[in-house]
Amino acid sequence: FTKAILEGRSIDVFNHGNMERDFTYIDDIVEGLYR
């Protein structure tokens, strides 16, 4: 998405946008792994 938006291209949004994701930031993942 970031690449396309910055380049002025359209993005494909699947399921007509009716998607939900439990997005998890990498630092939070690494903290869990470390523990």
PDB file of all heavy atoms in Angstrom:
ATOM      1  N   PHE A   1       0.826  -1.201   0.000  1.00  0.00           N
ATOM      2  CA  PHE A   1       0.000   0.000   0.000  1.00  0.00           C
ATOM      3  C   PHE A   1       0.868   1.262   0.000  1.00  0.00           C
ATOM      4  O   PHE A   1       0.620   2.205  -0.749  1.00  0.00           O
ATOM      5  CB  PHE A   1      -0.930   0.012   1.212  1.00  0.00           C
ATOM      6  CG  PHE A   1      -2.042  -1.008   1.154  1.00  0.00           C
ATOM      7  CD1 PHE A   1      -2.750  -1.348   2.308  1.00  0.00           C
ATOM      8  CD2 PHE A   1      -2.401  -1.622  -0.031  1.00  0.00           C
ATOM      9  CE1 PHE A   1      -3.775  -2.279   2.267  1.00  0.00           C
ATOM     10  CE2 PHE A   1      -3.428  -2.554  -0.085  1.00  0.00           C
ATOM     11  CZ  PHE A   1      -4.119  -2.887   1.073  1.00  0.00           C
ATOM     12  N   THR A   2       1.863   1.292   0.866  1.00  0.00           N
ATOM     13  CA  THR A   2       2.721   2.474   0.973  1.00  0.00           C
ATOM     14  C   THR A   2       3.421   2.757  -0.346  1.00  0.00           C
ATOM     15  O   THR A   2       3.454   3.897  -0.822  1.00  0.00           O
ATOM     16  CB  THR A   2       3.758   2.281   2.097  1.00  0.00           C
ATOM     17  OG1 THR A   2       3.075   2.125   3.348  1.00  0.00           O
ATOM     18  CG2 THR A   2       4.697   3.470   2.183  1.00  0.00           C
ATOM     19  N   LYS A   3       3.979   1.726  -0.940  1.00  0.00           N
ATOM     20  CA  LYS A   3       4.697   1.885  -2.212  1.00  0.00           C
ATOM     21  C   LYS A   3       3.772   2.442  -3.289  1.00  0.00           C
ATOM     22  O   LYS A   3       4.117   3.412  -3.986  1.00  0.00           O
ATOM     23  CB  LYS A   3       5.276   0.535  -2.656  1.00  0.00           C
ATOM     24  CG  LYS A   3       6.167   0.592  -3.900  1.00  0.00           C
ATOM     25  CD  LYS A   3       6.790  -0.777  -4.163  1.00  0.00           C
ATOM     26  CE  LYS A   3       7.868  -0.711  -5.229  1.00  0.00           C
ATOM     27  NZ  LYS A   3       7.389  -0.282  -6.547  1.00  0.00           N
ATOM     28  N   ALA A   4       2.595   1.856  -3.411  1.00  0.00           N
ATOM     29  CA  ALA A   4       1.662   2.295  -4.452  1.00  0.00           C
ATOM     30  C   ALA A   4       1.172   3.718  -4.205  1.00  0.00           C
ATOM     31  O   ALA A   4       1.110   4.534  -5.137  1.00  0.00           O
ATOM     32  CB  ALA A   4       0.478   1.328  -4.515  1.00  0.00           C
ATOM     33  N   ILE A   5       0.828   4.025  -2.976  1.00  0.00           N
ATOM     34  CA  ILE A   5       0.301   5.366  -2.651  1.00  0.00           C
ATOM     35  C   ILE A   5       1.365   6.433  -2.917  1.00  0.00           C
ATOM     36  O   ILE A   5       1.076   7.481  -3.503  1.00  0.00           O
ATOM     37  CB  ILE A   5      -0.187   5.410  -1.190  1.00  0.00           C
ATOM     38  CG1 ILE A   5      -1.461   4.560  -1.039  1.00  0.00           C
ATOM     39  CG2 ILE A   5      -0.451   6.848  -0.739  1.00  0.00           C
ATOM     40  CD1 ILE A   5      -1.882   4.334   0.402  1.00  0.00           C
ATOM     41  N   LEU A   6       2.599   6.180  -2.507  1.00  0.00           N
ATOM     42  CA  LEU A   6       3.671   7.157  -2.724  1.00  0.00           C
ATOM     43  C   LEU A   6       3.988   7.329  -4.207  1.00  0.00           C
ATOM     44  O   LEU A   6       4.429   8.396  -4.637  1.00  0.00           O
ATOM     45  CB  LEU A   6       4.929   6.748  -1.960  1.00  0.00           C
ATOM     46  CG  LEU A   6       4.869   6.894  -0.442  1.00  0.00           C
ATOM     47  CD1 LEU A   6       6.122   6.329   0.213  1.00  0.00           C
ATOM     48  CD2 LEU A   6       4.689   8.359  -0.033  1.00  0.00           C
ATOM     49  N   GLU A   7       3.756   6.262  -4.988  1.00  0.00           N
ATOM     50  CA  GLU A   7       4.027   6.335  -6.429  1.00  0.00           C
ATOM     51  C   GLU A   7       2.816   6.787  -7.229  1.00  0.00           C
ATOM     52  O   GLU A   7       2.862   6.847  -8.459  1.00  0.00           O
ATOM     53  CB  GLU A   7       4.505   4.967  -6.935  1.00  0.00           C
ATOM     54  CG  GLU A   7       5.867   4.568  -6.375  1.00  0.00           C
ATOM     55  CD  GLU A   7       6.282   3.158  -6.782  1.00  0.00           C
ATOM     56  OE1 GLU A   7       5.485   2.475  -7.471  1.00  0.00           O
ATOM     57  OE2 GLU A   7       7.399   2.744  -6.410  1.00  0.00           O
ATOM     58  N   GLY A   8       1.698   7.082  -6.525  1.00  0.00           N
ATOM     59  CA  GLY A   8       0.505   7.566  -7.198  1.00  0.00           C
ATOM     60  C   GLY A   8      -0.265   6.501  -7.948  1.00  0.00           C
ATOM     61  O   GLY A   8      -1.069   6.804  -8.841  1.00  0.00           O
ATOM     62  N   ARG A   9      -0.054   5.223  -7.571  1.00  0.00           N
ATOM     63  CA  ARG A   9      -0.773   4.119  -8.200  1.00  0.00           C
ATOM     64  C   ARG A   9      -1.941   3.677  -7.313  1.00  0.00           C
ATOM     65  O   ARG A   9      -1.947   3.933  -6.118  1.00  0.00           O
ATOM     66  CB  ARG A   9       0.168   2.946  -8.463  1.00  0.00           C
ATOM     67  CG  ARG A   9       1.259   3.245  -9.491  1.00  0.00           C
ATOM     68  CD  ARG A   9       2.120   2.011  -9.769  1.00  0.00           C
ATOM     69  NE  ARG A   9       2.953   1.664  -8.611  1.00  0.00           N
ATOM     70  CZ  ARG A   9       2.740   0.634  -7.817  1.00  0.00           C
ATOM     71  NH1 ARG A   9       1.678  -0.149  -8.004  1.00  0.00           N
ATOM     72  NH2 ARG A   9       3.553   0.373  -6.812  1.00  0.00           N
ATOM     73  N   SER A  10      -2.908   3.000  -7.909  1.00  0.00           N
ATOM     74  CA  SER A  10      -4.049   2.507  -7.141  1.00  0.00           C
ATOM     75  C   SER A  10      -3.653   1.267  -6.344  1.00  0.00           C
ATOM     76  O   SER A  10      -2.660   0.595  -6.648  1.00  0.00           O
ATOM     77  CB  SER A  10      -5.215   2.180  -8.069  1.00  0.00           C
ATOM     78  OG  SER A  10      -4.846   1.193  -9.010  1.00  0.00           O
ATOM     79  N   ILE A  11      -4.434   0.957  -5.312  1.00  0.00           N
ATOM     80  CA  ILE A  11      -4.190  -0.230  -4.493  1.00  0.00           C
ATOM     81  C   ILE A  11      -5.379  -1.180  -4.596  1.00  0.00           C
ATOM     82  O   ILE A  11      -6.520  -0.749  -4.732  1.00  0.00           O
ATOM     83  CB  ILE A  11      -3.937   0.143  -3.007  1.00  0.00           C
ATOM     84  CG1 ILE A  11      -5.152   0.846  -2.401  1.00  0.00           C
ATOM     85  CG2 ILE A  11      -2.693   1.013  -2.879  1.00  0.00           C
ATOM     86  CD1 ILE A  11      -5.041   1.108  -0.906  1.00  0.00           C
ATOM     87  N   ASP A  12      -5.092  -2.479  -4.553  1.00  0.00           N
ATOM     88  CA  ASP A  12      -6.144  -3.489  -4.562  1.00  0.00           C
ATOM     89  C   ASP A  12      -6.584  -3.761  -3.127  1.00  0.00           C
ATOM     90  O   ASP A  12      -5.775  -4.150  -2.279  1.00  0.00           O
ATOM     91  CB  ASP A  12      -5.644  -4.787  -5.198  1.00  0.00           C
ATOM     92  CG  ASP A  12      -5.369  -4.641  -6.686  1.00  0.00           C
ATOM     93  OD1 ASP A  12      -5.970  -3.745  -7.310  1.00  0.00           O
ATOM     94  OD2 ASP A  12      -4.548  -5.417  -7.225  1.00  0.00           O
ATOM     95  N   VAL A  13      -7.868  -3.541  -2.868  1.00  0.00           N
ATOM     96  CA  VAL A  13      -8.433  -3.746  -1.532  1.00  0.00           C
ATOM     97  C   VAL A  13      -9.409  -4.918  -1.620  1.00  0.00           C
ATOM     98  O   VAL A  13     -10.479  -4.805  -2.224  1.00  0.00           O
ATOM     99  CB  VAL A  13      -9.146  -2.475  -1.030  1.00  0.00           C
ATOM    100  CG1 VAL A  13      -9.703  -2.691   0.371  1.00  0.00           C
ATOM    101  CG2 VAL A  13      -8.188  -1.285  -1.048  1.00  0.00           C
ATOM    102  N   PHE A  14      -9.038  -6.041  -1.021  1.00  0.00           N
ATOM    103  CA  PHE A  14      -9.801  -7.271  -1.208  1.00  0.00           C
ATOM    104  C   PHE A  14     -10.996  -7.377  -0.260  1.00  0.00           C
ATOM    105  O   PHE A  14     -11.058  -6.700   0.759  1.00  0.00           O
ATOM    106  CB  PHE A  14      -8.873  -8.474  -1.066  1.00  0.00           C
ATOM    107  CG  PHE A  14      -7.851  -8.542  -2.175  1.00  0.00           C
ATOM    108  CD1 PHE A  14      -6.555  -8.085  -1.980  1.00  0.00           C
ATOM    109  CD2 PHE A  14      -8.203  -9.030  -3.419  1.00  0.00           C
ATOM    110  CE1 PHE A  14      -5.626  -8.121  -3.007  1.00  0.00           C
ATOM    111  CE2 PHE A  14      -7.286  -9.073  -4.461  1.00  0.00           C
ATOM    112  CZ  PHE A  14      -5.986  -8.616  -4.255  1.00  0.00           C
ATOM    113  N   ASN A  15     -11.920  -8.234  -0.646  1.00  0.00           N
ATOM    114  CA  ASN A  15     -13.193  -8.410   0.053  1.00  0.00           C
ATOM    115  C   ASN A  15     -13.935  -7.078   0.170  1.00  0.00           C
ATOM    116  O   ASN A  15     -14.650  -6.833   1.143  1.00  0.00           O
ATOM    117  CB  ASN A  15     -12.991  -9.045   1.435  1.00  0.00           C
ATOM    118  CG  ASN A  15     -14.244  -9.711   1.960  1.00  0.00           C
ATOM    119  OD1 ASN A  15     -15.060 -10.213   1.206  1.00  0.00           O
ATOM    120  ND2 ASN A  15     -14.396  -9.711   3.276  1.00  0.00           N
ATOM    121  N   HIS A  16     -13.699  -6.214  -0.829  1.00  0.00           N
ATOM    122  CA  HIS A  16     -14.355  -4.894  -0.897  1.00  0.00           C
ATOM    123  C   HIS A  16     -14.101  -4.070   0.380  1.00  0.00           C
ATOM    124  O   HIS A  16     -14.931  -3.246   0.776  1.00  0.00           O
ATOM    125  CB  HIS A  16     -15.855  -5.056  -1.158  1.00  0.00           C
ATOM    126  CG  HIS A  16     -16.147  -5.858  -2.393  1.00  0.00           C
ATOM    127  ND1 HIS A  16     -16.023  -5.353  -3.663  1.00  0.00           N
ATOM    128  CD2 HIS A  16     -16.518  -7.162  -2.549  1.00  0.00           C
ATOM    129  CE1 HIS A  16     -16.320  -6.282  -4.551  1.00  0.00           C
ATOM    130  NE2 HIS A  16     -16.628  -7.397  -3.903  1.00  0.00           N
ATOM    131  N   GLY A  17     -12.960  -4.317   0.992  1.00  0.00           N
ATOM    132  CA  GLY A  17     -12.582  -3.567   2.194  1.00  0.00           C
ATOM    133  C   GLY A  17     -13.122  -4.136   3.484  1.00  0.00           C
ATOM    134  O   GLY A  17     -12.797  -3.637   4.572  1.00  0.00           O
ATOM    135  N   ASN A  18     -13.952  -5.183   3.389  1.00  0.00           N
ATOM    136  CA  ASN A  18     -14.544  -5.765   4.605  1.00  0.00           C
ATOM    137  C   ASN A  18     -13.601  -6.812   5.223  1.00  0.00           C
ATOM    138  O   ASN A  18     -13.931  -7.989   5.356  1.00  0.00           O
ATOM    139  CB  ASN A  18     -15.897  -6.405   4.266  1.00  0.00           C
ATOM    140  CG  ASN A  18     -16.898  -5.376   3.776  1.00  0.00           C
ATOM    141  OD1 ASN A  18     -17.042  -4.312   4.382  1.00  0.00           O
ATOM    142  ND2 ASN A  18     -17.581  -5.683   2.690  1.00  0.00           N
ATOM    143  N   MET A  19     -12.427  -6.346   5.560  1.00  0.00           N
ATOM    144  CA  MET A  19     -11.397  -7.191   6.171  1.00  0.00           C
ATOM    145  C   MET A  19     -10.971  -6.557   7.492  1.00  0.00           C
ATOM    146  O   MET A  19     -10.947  -5.329   7.627  1.00  0.00           O
ATOM    147  CB  MET A  19     -10.170  -7.305   5.256  1.00  0.00           C
ATOM    148  CG  MET A  19     -10.461  -7.783   3.852  1.00  0.00           C
ATOM    149  SD  MET A  19     -10.606  -9.565   3.756  1.00  0.00           S
ATOM    150  CE  MET A  19      -8.910 -10.035   3.541  1.00  0.00           C
ATOM    151  N   GLU A  20     -10.626  -7.408   8.447  1.00  0.00           N
ATOM    152  CA  GLU A  20     -10.054  -6.936   9.707  1.00  0.00           C
ATOM    153  C   GLU A  20      -8.839  -7.787  10.030  1.00  0.00           C
ATOM    154  O   GLU A  20      -8.859  -9.005   9.852  1.00  0.00           O
ATOM    155  CB  GLU A  20     -11.070  -7.016  10.847  1.00  0.00           C
ATOM    156  CG  GLU A  20     -12.248  -6.067  10.687  1.00  0.00           C
ATOM    157  CD  GLU A  20     -13.186  -6.112  11.889  1.00  0.00           C
ATOM    158  OE1 GLU A  20     -12.704  -6.016  13.027  1.00  0.00           O
ATOM    159  OE2 GLU A  20     -14.403  -6.251  11.672  1.00  0.00           O
ATOM    160  N   ARG A  21      -7.787  -7.129  10.505  1.00  0.00           N
ATOM    161  CA  ARG A  21      -6.570  -7.830  10.849  1.00  0.00           C
ATOM    162  C   ARG A  21      -6.064  -7.369  12.209  1.00  0.00           C
ATOM    163  O   ARG A  21      -6.159  -6.188  12.561  1.00  0.00           O
ATOM    164  CB  ARG A  21      -5.477  -7.580   9.797  1.00  0.00           C
ATOM    165  CG  ARG A  21      -5.708  -8.291   8.470  1.00  0.00           C
ATOM    166  CD  ARG A  21      -5.531  -9.781   8.604  1.00  0.00           C
ATOM    167  NE  ARG A  21      -5.744 -10.505   7.358  1.00  0.00           N
ATOM    168  CZ  ARG A  21      -6.910 -10.998   6.974  1.00  0.00           C
ATOM    169  NH1 ARG A  21      -7.987 -10.814   7.730  1.00  0.00           N
ATOM    170  NH2 ARG A  21      -7.015 -11.676   5.839  1.00  0.00           N
ATOM    171  N   ASP A  22      -5.504  -8.323  12.942  1.00  0.00           N
ATOM    172  CA  ASP A  22      -4.903  -8.016  14.245  1.00  0.00           C
ATOM    173  C   ASP A  22      -3.445  -7.635  14.000  1.00  0.00           C
ATOM    174  O   ASP A  22      -2.522  -8.396  14.292  1.00  0.00           O
ATOM    175  CB  ASP A  22      -5.018  -9.240  15.166  1.00  0.00           C
ATOM    176  CG  ASP A  22      -4.959  -8.854  16.633  1.00  0.00           C
ATOM    177  OD1 ASP A  22      -4.428  -7.777  16.933  1.00  0.00           O
ATOM    178  OD2 ASP A  22      -5.432  -9.634  17.477  1.00  0.00           O
ATOM    179  N   PHE A  23      -3.242  -6.449  13.423  1.00  0.00           N
ATOM    180  CA  PHE A  23      -1.896  -5.983  13.077  1.00  0.00           C
ATOM    181  C   PHE A  23      -1.036  -5.858  14.335  1.00  0.00           C
ATOM    182  O   PHE A  23      -1.446  -5.248  15.321  1.00  0.00           O
ATOM    183  CB  PHE A  23      -1.971  -4.620  12.383  1.00  0.00           C
ATOM    184  CG  PHE A  23      -2.642  -4.652  11.037  1.00  0.00           C
ATOM    185  CD1 PHE A  23      -3.952  -4.232  10.895  1.00  0.00           C
ATOM    186  CD2 PHE A  23      -1.965  -5.100   9.915  1.00  0.00           C
ATOM    187  CE1 PHE A  23      -4.583  -4.248   9.653  1.00  0.00           C
ATOM    188  CE2 PHE A  23      -2.579  -5.124   8.667  1.00  0.00           C
ATOM    189  CZ  PHE A  23      -3.892  -4.701   8.539  1.00  0.00           C
ATOM    190  N   THR A  24       0.183  -6.430  14.280  1.00  0.00           N
ATOM    191  CA  THR A  24       1.061  -6.466  15.449  1.00  0.00           C
ATOM    192  C   THR A  24       2.422  -5.893  15.085  1.00  0.00           C
ATOM    193  O   THR A  24       3.090  -6.386  14.158  1.00  0.00           O
ATOM    194  CB  THR A  24       1.225  -7.905  15.971  1.00  0.00           C
ATOM    195  OG1 THR A  24      -0.059  -8.542  16.009  1.00  0.00           O
ATOM    196  CG2 THR A  24       1.839  -7.900  17.365  1.00  0.00           C
ATOM    197  N   TYR A  25       2.846  -4.876  15.818  1.00  0.00           N
ATOM    198  CA  TYR A  25       4.102  -4.189  15.499  1.00  0.00           C
ATOM    199  C   TYR A  25       5.300  -5.065  15.855  1.00  0.00           C
ATOM    200  O   TYR A  25       5.291  -5.789  16.855  1.00  0.00           O
ATOM    201  CB  TYR A  25       4.164  -2.854  16.250  1.00  0.00           C
ATOM    202  CG  TYR A  25       5.312  -1.982  15.818  1.00  0.00           C
ATOM    203  CD1 TYR A  25       5.354  -1.437  14.536  1.00  0.00           C
ATOM    204  CD2 TYR A  25       6.371  -1.705  16.688  1.00  0.00           C
ATOM    205  CE1 TYR A  25       6.404  -0.629  14.138  1.00  0.00           C
ATOM    206  CE2 TYR A  25       7.427  -0.903  16.295  1.00  0.00           C
ATOM    207  CZ  TYR A  25       7.436  -0.366  15.016  1.00  0.00           C
ATOM    208  OH  TYR A  25       8.488   0.425  14.620  1.00  0.00           O
ATOM    209  N   ILE A  26       6.339  -4.979  15.047  1.00  0.00           N
ATOM    210  CA  ILE A  26       7.491  -5.861  15.164  1.00  0.00           C
ATOM    211  C   ILE A  26       8.162  -5.808  16.545  1.00  0.00           C
ATOM    212  O   ILE A  26       8.569  -6.846  17.081  1.00  0.00           O
ATOM    213  CB  ILE A  26       8.526  -5.564  14.044  1.00  0.00           C
ATOM    214  CG1 ILE A  26       9.700  -6.543  14.105  1.00  0.00           C
ATOM    215  CG2 ILE A  26       8.992  -4.120  14.104  1.00  0.00           C
ATOM    216  CD1 ILE A  26       9.328  -7.989  13.908  1.00  0.00           C
ATOM    217  N   ASP A  27       8.263  -4.648  17.160  1.00  0.00           N
ATOM    218  CA  ASP A  27       8.913  -4.565  18.477  1.00  0.00           C
ATOM    219  C   ASP A  27       8.132  -5.350  19.534  1.00  0.00           C
ATOM    220  O   ASP A  27       8.727  -5.936  20.448  1.00  0.00           O
ATOM    221  CB  ASP A  27       9.049  -3.106  18.923  1.00  0.00           C
ATOM    222  CG  ASP A  27      10.087  -2.341  18.121  1.00  0.00           C
ATOM    223  OD1 ASP A  27      10.722  -2.954  17.239  1.00  0.00           O
ATOM    224  OD2 ASP A  27      10.258  -1.125  18.373  1.00  0.00           O
ATOM    225  N   ASP A  28       6.810  -5.362  19.413  1.00  0.00           N
ATOM    226  CA  ASP A  28       5.986  -6.128  20.347  1.00  0.00           C
ATOM    227  C   ASP A  28       6.187  -7.628  20.132  1.00  0.00           C
ATOM    228  O   ASP A  28       6.199  -8.410  21.087  1.00  0.00           O
ATOM    229  CB  ASP A  28       4.511  -5.761  20.182  1.00  0.00           C
ATOM    230  CG  ASP A  28       4.220  -4.322  20.592  1.00  0.00           C
ATOM    231  OD1 ASP A  28       4.875  -3.838  21.531  1.00  0.00           O
ATOM    232  OD2 ASP A  28       3.347  -3.697  19.972  1.00  0.00           O
ATOM    233  N   ILE A  29       6.350  -8.040  18.885  1.00  0.00           N
ATOM    234  CA  ILE A  29       6.626  -9.441  18.573  1.00  0.00           C
ATOM    235  C   ILE A  29       7.966  -9.861  19.176  1.00  0.00           C
ATOM    236  O   ILE A  29       8.085 -10.911  19.829  1.00  0.00           O
ATOM    237  CB  ILE A  29       6.638  -9.663  17.049  1.00  0.00           C
ATOM    238  CG1 ILE A  29       5.223  -9.508  16.463  1.00  0.00           C
ATOM    239  CG2 ILE A  29       7.254 -11.014  16.700  1.00  0.00           C
ATOM    240  CD1 ILE A  29       4.289 -10.646  16.769  1.00  0.00           C
ATOM    241  N   VAL A  30       8.987  -9.050  18.960  1.00  0.00           N
ATOM    242  CA  VAL A  30      10.330  -9.387  19.444  1.00  0.00           C
ATOM    243  C   VAL A  30      10.356  -9.446  20.966  1.00  0.00           C
ATOM    244  O   VAL A  30      11.028 -10.310  21.559  1.00  0.00           O
ATOM    245  CB  VAL A  30      11.366  -8.386  18.898  1.00  0.00           C
ATOM    246  CG1 VAL A  30      12.714  -8.539  19.596  1.00  0.00           C
ATOM    247  CG2 VAL A  30      11.538  -8.579  17.393  1.00  0.00           C
ATOM    248  N   GLU A  31       9.619  -8.571  21.616  1.00  0.00           N
ATOM    249  CA  GLU A  31       9.562  -8.605  23.081  1.00  0.00           C
ATOM    250  C   GLU A  31       8.979  -9.932  23.565  1.00  0.00           C
ATOM    251  O   GLU A  31       9.489 -10.534  24.521  1.00  0.00           O
ATOM    252  CB  GLU A  31       8.727  -7.438  23.602  1.00  0.00           C
ATOM    253  CG  GLU A  31       8.584  -7.389  25.122  1.00  0.00           C
ATOM    254  CD  GLU A  31       9.896  -7.223  25.858  1.00  0.00           C
ATOM    255  OE1 GLU A  31      10.826  -6.601  25.305  1.00  0.00           O
ATOM    256  OE2 GLU A  31       9.987  -7.731  27.000  1.00  0.00           O
ATOM    257  N   GLY A  32       7.926 -10.400  22.901  1.00  0.00           N
ATOM    258  CA  GLY A  32       7.351 -11.686  23.265  1.00  0.00           C
ATOM    259  C   GLY A  32       8.323 -12.830  23.033  1.00  0.00           C
ATOM    260  O   GLY A  32       8.478 -13.721  23.880  1.00  0.00           O
ATOM    261  N   LEU A  33       8.995 -12.817  21.887  1.00  0.00           N
ATOM    262  CA  LEU A  33       9.986 -13.846  21.587  1.00  0.00           C
ATOM    263  C   LEU A  33      11.092 -13.867  22.640  1.00  0.00           C
ATOM    264  O   LEU A  33      11.500 -14.936  23.113  1.00  0.00           O
ATOM    265  CB  LEU A  33      10.593 -13.599  20.207  1.00  0.00           C
ATOM    266  CG  LEU A  33       9.739 -13.944  18.991  1.00  0.00           C
ATOM    267  CD1 LEU A  33      10.318 -13.320  17.729  1.00  0.00           C
ATOM    268  CD2 LEU A  33       9.626 -15.444  18.821  1.00  0.00           C
ATOM    269  N   TYR A  34      11.567 -12.686  22.998  1.00  0.00           N
ATOM    270  CA  TYR A  34      12.671 -12.593  23.945  1.00  0.00           C
ATOM    271  C   TYR A  34      12.282 -13.170  25.307  1.00  0.00           C
ATOM    272  O   TYR A  34      13.052 -13.900  25.933  1.00  0.00           O
ATOM    273  CB  TYR A  34      13.117 -11.136  24.091  1.00  0.00           C
ATOM    274  CG  TYR A  34      14.271 -10.972  25.047  1.00  0.00           C
ATOM    275  CD1 TYR A  34      15.559 -11.350  24.672  1.00  0.00           C
ATOM    276  CD2 TYR A  34      14.073 -10.474  26.323  1.00  0.00           C
ATOM    277  CE1 TYR A  34      16.620 -11.226  25.547  1.00  0.00           C
ATOM    278  CE2 TYR A  34      15.131 -10.350  27.211  1.00  0.00           C
ATOM    279  CZ  TYR A  34      16.401 -10.720  26.813  1.00  0.00           C
ATOM    280  OH  TYR A  34      17.453 -10.612  27.688  1.00  0.00           O
ATOM    281  N   ARG A  35      11.089 -12.861  25.762  1.00  0.00           N
ATOM    282  CA  ARG A  35      10.639 -13.376  27.064  1.00  0.00           C
ATOM    283  C   ARG A  35      10.532 -14.898  27.065  1.00  0.00           C
ATOM    284  O   ARG A  35      10.882 -15.559  28.050  1.00  0.00           O
ATOM    285  CB  ARG A  35       9.299 -12.744  27.445  1.00  0.00           C
ATOM    286  CG  ARG A  35       9.388 -11.258  27.702  1.00  0.00           C
ATOM    287  CD  ARG A  35       8.088 -10.679  28.201  1.00  0.00           C
ATOM    288  NE  ARG A  35       8.175  -9.229  28.299  1.00  0.00           N
ATOM    289  CZ  ARG A  35       7.368  -8.469  29.032  1.00  0.00           C
ATOM    290  NH1 ARG A  35       6.395  -9.040  29.747  1.00  0.00           N
ATOM    291  NH2 ARG A  35       7.507  -7.169  29.061  1.00  0.00           N
TER     292      ARG A  35
END
